[in-house]
Protein backbone atom coordinates (compact mmCIF):
# COMPACT_ATOMS: atom_id res chain seq x y z
CA MET A 1 86.30 106.47 112.30
CA ASN A 2 85.42 105.39 108.81
CA ILE A 3 85.29 101.98 107.25
CA LYS A 4 87.23 101.51 104.01
CA ALA A 5 84.35 99.84 102.14
CA ALA A 6 86.31 99.22 98.96
CA ALA A 7 89.01 97.41 100.94
CA LEU A 8 86.42 95.14 102.62
CA ILE A 9 84.82 94.34 99.27
CA GLN A 10 88.22 93.57 97.81
CA LEU A 11 89.02 91.31 100.80
CA ALA A 12 85.79 89.38 100.22
CA GLU A 13 86.56 88.99 96.53
CA SER A 14 90.16 87.87 97.17
CA ARG A 15 88.91 85.16 99.56
CA SER A 16 85.99 84.16 97.31
CA TRP A 17 83.55 85.20 100.02
CA THR A 18 80.12 86.56 99.23
CA ILE A 19 79.03 89.70 101.08
CA PRO A 20 76.72 87.57 103.24
CA LYS A 21 79.72 85.36 104.12
CA LEU A 22 81.77 88.48 104.95
CA ALA A 23 78.92 89.68 107.20
CA GLU A 24 78.90 86.30 108.93
CA ARG A 25 82.67 86.44 109.46
CA LEU A 26 82.30 89.95 110.91
CA GLY A 27 79.42 88.95 113.15
CA VAL A 28 76.92 91.42 111.72
CA ASP A 29 73.71 91.17 109.71
CA TYR A 30 74.08 91.12 105.93
CA SER A 31 71.60 93.95 105.39
CA TYR A 32 73.51 96.16 107.83
CA LEU A 33 76.84 95.42 106.19
CA PHE A 34 75.32 96.00 102.74
CA ARG A 35 74.16 99.47 103.81
CA VAL A 36 77.57 100.28 105.28
CA LEU A 37 79.40 99.14 102.13
CA ASN A 38 77.06 101.31 100.03
CA ASN A 39 77.69 104.34 102.24
CA GLU A 40 74.05 104.40 103.33
CA LYS A 41 74.99 103.89 106.99
CA LYS A 42 78.03 104.38 109.20
CA GLY A 43 79.47 101.39 110.98
CA GLY A 44 79.14 101.01 114.72
CA ALA A 45 81.11 99.39 117.49
CA LYS A 46 79.95 95.85 116.66
CA LEU A 47 81.18 96.17 113.07
CA PHE A 48 84.45 97.77 114.14
CA ALA A 49 85.02 94.95 116.63
CA GLY A 50 84.21 92.40 113.94
CA ILE A 51 86.73 93.95 111.55
CA TYR A 52 89.37 93.98 114.30
CA ARG A 53 88.67 90.33 115.21
CA LEU A 54 88.71 89.23 111.55
CA CYS A 55 92.00 91.02 110.99
CA LYS A 56 93.55 89.18 113.95
CA GLU A 57 92.19 85.82 112.72
CA GLU A 58 93.34 86.32 109.15
CA ASN A 59 96.63 88.09 110.03
CA LEU A 60 95.54 91.30 108.27
CA SER A 61 96.34 94.91 109.04
CA PHE A 62 93.42 96.61 110.78
CA ASP A 63 94.56 99.93 109.34
CA ASP A 64 93.88 98.62 105.83
CA TYR A 65 90.17 98.46 106.61
CA MET A 66 89.63 101.43 108.93
CA GLU A 67 90.49 105.13 108.88
CA PHE A 68 90.94 106.93 112.16
CA GLU A 69 90.81 110.66 112.65
CA THR A 70 92.84 110.38 115.83
CA LEU A 71 94.99 107.84 117.58
CA GLU A 72 92.59 108.05 120.53
CA ALA A 73 89.76 106.69 118.39
CA PHE A 74 91.92 103.75 117.35
CA ASN A 75 92.86 102.99 120.93
CA GLN A 76 89.23 103.04 122.06
CA ILE A 77 88.31 100.39 119.50
CA LYS A 78 91.35 98.30 120.22
CA ASN A 79 90.72 98.36 123.98
CA SER A 80 87.01 97.53 123.60
CA THR A 81 87.78 94.27 121.81
CA ARG A 82 89.99 92.80 124.53
């Protein structure tokens, strides 16, 4: 699973959110999100769940912000957020 960092940055810009505000909306620390967006760190389950939750709240497509190598990986994340 990979996070589409450019898409998350674009989402923040389109909503006039700062990156700290995006981190807050995703339920993660700003410094952690900053490192993920700069490809210094891979995202973990908490970030994936935050993206999924935000997509549901904002009526966005989860696939626009995540890349999955397999359908099984997608289903694991989806099931863990219920």
